[in-house]
Amino acid sequence: MSKCRKCNIEILDETERCPLCNSVLVQTMELENMYPNVRIKARKLMLISRIYLFCAILLEVLLVYINVVTDSRTWWSIITALSFVYVYMLIRFAILGTSGYKSKVIVLTLIAVLIAVASDFVNGYQGWSVNYALPSGILLIDLGILVLMFTNRRNWQSYMMWQILMILFSVIPLVFSLVGIATAPFLGELSFVASVLLFVGTLIIGDRRARTELKRRFHIR
């Protein structure tokens, strides 16, 4: 930013002379400092994420040691490790990541469900994760996709690939039921039906626009 001492006005344009009196301007502040330095904030957040990662590793080593020396019947320290990993993913992906909000919400929900399943399996598998947590997470994401489509009606077709992904994920509870891992198949079947109906409904109601989006995504002429 520059200032004309004769006219006593500030000039925002990058010029060396006053547009009114043609006098030489005096530099008052650098133009680039008119905007916040995003890079400095990003570096600070990156530093915070690295500090958190180091502290989480130290704390997890201590928790594993306590888990071992106390002769616990369950490996509860694995749950704490997964929790630390999720928080780290939350910082790096949700806060520092450059992906859109829809990708962040859906991916973080999927990671949370997978962590719940892993926690169940490593601690003596009781079945609550595949019977309830996994299908409930799929239903929650389906509902979130539906809400996002209504709130972003101009670009609703961009969510169709997420719908296909959720159909693929909803097959997992069905497979678990067939092999006997899941003992309460109702929620798994419901999540599969809901995912398929959401996609079919979008395809029918969206008509040509939906078909065009699928052709574009899969490079079909």
Protein backbone atom coordinates (compact mmCIF):
# COMPACT_ATOMS: atom_id res chain seq x y z
CA MET A 1 0.00 0.00 0.00
CA SER A 2 1.24 3.49 -0.85
CA LYS A 3 0.35 7.00 0.32
CA CYS A 4 0.42 10.41 -1.33
CA ARG A 5 1.67 13.01 1.16
CA LYS A 6 0.39 15.87 -0.95
CA CYS A 7 -3.19 14.59 -1.36
CA ASN A 8 -3.12 12.68 1.95
CA ILE A 9 -4.75 9.60 0.44
CA GLU A 10 -3.79 5.95 0.38
CA ILE A 11 -3.40 4.13 -2.94
CA LEU A 12 -4.20 0.42 -3.16
CA ASP A 13 -3.02 -0.03 -6.75
CA GLU A 14 0.56 -1.03 -7.48
CA THR A 15 1.74 2.29 -8.88
CA GLU A 16 4.59 4.66 -8.07
CA ARG A 17 2.74 7.94 -8.71
CA CYS A 18 -0.47 9.46 -7.38
CA PRO A 19 -3.33 9.29 -9.92
CA LEU A 20 -4.54 12.76 -8.77
CA CYS A 21 -1.42 14.91 -8.59
CA ASN A 22 1.18 12.64 -10.19
CA SER A 23 3.45 12.95 -7.16
CA VAL A 24 5.77 10.14 -6.15
CA LEU A 25 4.08 7.87 -3.61
CA VAL A 26 5.51 6.79 -0.27
CA GLN A 27 5.40 3.08 0.53
CA THR A 28 3.46 2.54 3.77
CA MET A 29 3.20 -1.25 3.92
CA GLU A 30 3.90 -4.22 1.68
CA LEU A 31 0.91 -5.27 -0.37
CA GLU A 32 1.48 -8.95 0.37
CA ASN A 33 1.03 -8.30 4.09
CA MET A 34 -2.59 -7.28 3.53
CA TYR A 35 -3.52 -10.97 3.61
CA PRO A 36 -2.86 -13.55 6.33
CA ASN A 37 0.12 -15.81 5.74
CA VAL A 38 -1.54 -19.19 5.37
CA ARG A 39 1.76 -21.01 5.07
CA ILE A 40 2.83 -19.97 8.56
CA LYS A 41 -0.41 -21.33 10.04
CA ALA A 42 -0.05 -24.55 8.06
CA ARG A 43 3.50 -25.03 9.32
CA LYS A 44 2.34 -24.48 12.90
CA LEU A 45 -0.38 -27.09 12.50
CA MET A 46 2.10 -29.52 10.95
CA LEU A 47 4.41 -28.97 13.92
CA ILE A 48 1.52 -29.60 16.33
CA SER A 49 0.64 -32.82 14.49
CA ARG A 50 4.25 -34.05 14.71
CA ILE A 51 4.43 -33.19 18.42
CA TYR A 52 1.19 -35.07 18.98
CA LEU A 53 2.51 -38.09 17.06
CA PHE A 54 5.69 -38.20 19.15
CA CYS A 55 3.79 -37.84 22.44
CA ALA A 56 1.24 -40.48 21.35
CA ILE A 57 4.03 -42.95 20.56
CA LEU A 58 5.68 -42.39 23.95
CA LEU A 59 2.37 -42.76 25.77
CA GLU A 60 1.43 -45.87 23.81
CA VAL A 61 4.78 -47.51 24.63
CA LEU A 62 4.07 -46.85 28.31
CA LEU A 63 0.53 -48.26 28.01
CA VAL A 64 1.79 -51.41 26.27
CA TYR A 65 4.32 -51.90 29.06
CA ILE A 66 1.59 -51.52 31.69
CA ASN A 67 -0.62 -53.91 29.74
CA VAL A 68 2.15 -56.53 29.72
CA VAL A 69 3.36 -56.25 33.32
CA THR A 70 -0.15 -56.30 34.77
CA ASP A 71 -0.90 -59.63 33.03
CA SER A 72 -4.20 -58.31 31.72
CA ARG A 73 -6.49 -60.82 30.01
CA THR A 74 -7.19 -58.43 27.16
CA TRP A 75 -4.91 -56.30 25.03
CA TRP A 76 -6.63 -53.02 25.89
CA SER A 77 -3.49 -51.14 24.83
CA ILE A 78 -4.35 -51.91 21.19
CA ILE A 79 -7.58 -49.96 21.61
CA THR A 80 -5.66 -46.95 22.89
CA ALA A 81 -3.25 -47.27 19.96
CA LEU A 82 -6.14 -47.28 17.49
CA SER A 83 -7.60 -44.23 19.24
CA PHE A 84 -4.29 -42.38 18.91
CA VAL A 85 -4.16 -43.30 15.23
CA TYR A 86 -7.69 -42.00 14.66
CA VAL A 87 -6.95 -38.66 16.33
CA TYR A 88 -3.80 -38.34 14.22
CA MET A 89 -5.81 -39.08 11.08
CA LEU A 90 -8.35 -36.51 12.21
CA ILE A 91 -5.63 -33.86 12.45
CA ARG A 92 -3.82 -34.70 9.22
CA PHE A 93 -6.83 -35.55 7.05
CA ALA A 94 -9.69 -33.40 8.39
CA ILE A 95 -7.76 -30.30 9.47
CA LEU A 96 -4.64 -30.28 7.29
CA GLY A 97 -6.04 -32.23 4.35
CA THR A 98 -7.09 -30.51 1.14
CA SER A 99 -9.97 -32.85 0.28
CA GLY A 100 -13.56 -31.65 0.27
CA TYR A 101 -15.77 -31.84 3.33
CA LYS A 102 -17.80 -34.73 1.96
CA SER A 103 -14.71 -36.87 1.50
CA LYS A 104 -13.48 -36.02 4.98
CA VAL A 105 -16.77 -36.89 6.68
CA ILE A 106 -17.27 -40.17 4.84
CA VAL A 107 -13.66 -41.37 5.06
CA LEU A 108 -13.33 -40.54 8.77
CA THR A 109 -16.59 -42.36 9.50
CA LEU A 110 -15.33 -45.42 7.62
CA ILE A 111 -12.04 -45.31 9.52
CA ALA A 112 -13.92 -45.12 12.83
CA VAL A 113 -15.99 -48.18 11.88
CA LEU A 114 -12.89 -50.13 10.81
CA ILE A 115 -11.16 -49.24 14.08
CA ALA A 116 -14.20 -50.51 16.00
CA VAL A 117 -14.09 -53.79 14.08
CA ALA A 118 -10.35 -54.14 14.69
CA SER A 119 -10.81 -53.44 18.41
CA ASP A 120 -13.44 -56.17 18.64
CA PHE A 121 -11.26 -58.75 16.88
CA VAL A 122 -8.05 -58.10 18.82
CA ASN A 123 -9.78 -58.25 22.19
CA GLY A 124 -11.46 -61.62 22.06
CA TYR A 125 -14.14 -60.97 19.42
CA GLN A 126 -17.59 -60.56 20.93
CA GLY A 127 -19.38 -59.79 17.66
CA TRP A 128 -20.70 -56.32 18.49
CA SER A 129 -18.59 -54.67 15.79
CA VAL A 130 -19.73 -56.75 12.80
CA ASN A 131 -23.28 -57.19 14.09
CA TYR A 132 -23.96 -53.56 14.96
CA ALA A 133 -21.07 -51.10 14.49
CA LEU A 134 -20.25 -51.92 10.86
CA PRO A 135 -23.81 -51.90 9.44
CA SER A 136 -24.76 -48.91 11.60
CA GLY A 137 -21.79 -47.00 10.19
CA ILE A 138 -22.87 -47.85 6.64
CA LEU A 139 -26.43 -46.70 7.35
CA LEU A 140 -25.09 -43.49 8.90
CA ILE A 141 -22.99 -42.75 5.82
CA ASP A 142 -25.96 -43.49 3.53
CA LEU A 143 -28.01 -41.00 5.51
CA GLY A 144 -25.18 -38.47 5.34
CA ILE A 145 -24.92 -38.88 1.56
CA LEU A 146 -28.67 -38.31 1.23
CA VAL A 147 -28.48 -35.14 3.34
CA LEU A 148 -25.48 -33.86 1.37
CA MET A 149 -27.32 -34.47 -1.90
CA PHE A 150 -30.26 -32.35 -0.70
CA THR A 151 -28.02 -29.56 0.57
CA ASN A 152 -25.89 -29.57 -2.58
CA ARG A 153 -28.66 -30.05 -5.14
CA ARG A 154 -26.71 -28.42 -7.97
CA ASN A 155 -24.02 -31.07 -7.81
CA TRP A 156 -25.95 -34.06 -6.43
CA GLN A 157 -24.65 -36.43 -9.11
CA SER A 158 -21.11 -36.18 -7.70
CA TYR A 159 -22.20 -38.40 -4.79
CA MET A 160 -23.05 -41.38 -6.99
CA MET A 161 -19.55 -42.85 -6.76
CA TRP A 162 -19.81 -42.75 -2.97
CA GLN A 163 -23.11 -44.60 -3.26
CA ILE A 164 -21.43 -47.34 -5.30
CA LEU A 165 -18.63 -47.52 -2.73
CA MET A 166 -21.17 -47.94 0.08
CA ILE A 167 -22.87 -50.78 -1.83
CA LEU A 168 -19.52 -52.55 -1.96
CA PHE A 169 -18.97 -51.95 1.75
CA SER A 170 -22.47 -53.17 2.59
CA VAL A 171 -21.62 -56.54 1.02
CA ILE A 172 -19.07 -57.13 3.82
CA PRO A 173 -21.70 -57.70 6.58
CA LEU A 174 -23.52 -60.13 4.26
CA VAL A 175 -20.30 -62.09 3.75
CA PHE A 176 -19.71 -62.12 7.51
CA SER A 177 -23.21 -63.56 7.96
CA LEU A 178 -22.63 -66.28 5.37
CA VAL A 179 -19.36 -67.43 6.94
CA GLY A 180 -20.79 -67.32 10.47
CA ILE A 181 -18.78 -64.36 11.79
CA ALA A 182 -21.88 -62.20 12.21
CA THR A 183 -24.67 -63.75 14.29
CA ALA A 184 -27.27 -60.96 13.97
CA PRO A 185 -27.66 -60.35 10.23
CA PHE A 186 -30.65 -57.98 10.32
CA LEU A 187 -28.71 -54.68 10.40
CA GLY A 188 -26.28 -55.96 7.79
CA GLU A 189 -29.09 -56.87 5.42
CA LEU A 190 -30.79 -53.54 6.11
CA SER A 191 -27.61 -51.60 5.32
CA PHE A 192 -27.23 -53.46 2.01
CA VAL A 193 -30.85 -52.83 1.00
CA ALA A 194 -30.60 -49.16 2.00
CA SER A 195 -27.38 -48.65 -0.01
CA VAL A 196 -28.84 -50.32 -3.11
CA LEU A 197 -32.14 -48.41 -2.86
CA LEU A 198 -30.29 -45.11 -2.47
CA PHE A 199 -28.29 -45.75 -5.64
CA VAL A 200 -31.25 -47.08 -7.66
CA GLY A 201 -33.43 -44.17 -6.51
CA THR A 202 -30.76 -41.68 -7.57
CA LEU A 203 -30.39 -43.41 -10.92
CA ILE A 204 -34.15 -43.39 -11.61
CA ILE A 205 -34.93 -39.88 -10.35
CA GLY A 206 -31.73 -38.42 -11.80
CA ASP A 207 -32.52 -39.93 -15.21
CA ARG A 208 -30.22 -38.65 -17.97
CA ARG A 209 -28.02 -36.58 -15.66
CA ALA A 210 -27.31 -39.62 -13.47
CA ARG A 211 -26.53 -41.84 -16.46
CA THR A 212 -24.25 -39.17 -17.90
CA GLU A 213 -22.35 -38.98 -14.63
CA LEU A 214 -21.82 -42.76 -14.55
CA LYS A 215 -20.65 -42.79 -18.16
CA ARG A 216 -18.23 -39.98 -17.42
CA ARG A 217 -16.88 -41.68 -14.30
CA PHE A 218 -16.38 -45.05 -15.97
CA HIS A 219 -15.28 -43.57 -19.31
CA ILE A 220 -18.17 -45.12 -21.23
CA ARG A 221 -19.21 -43.55 -24.51
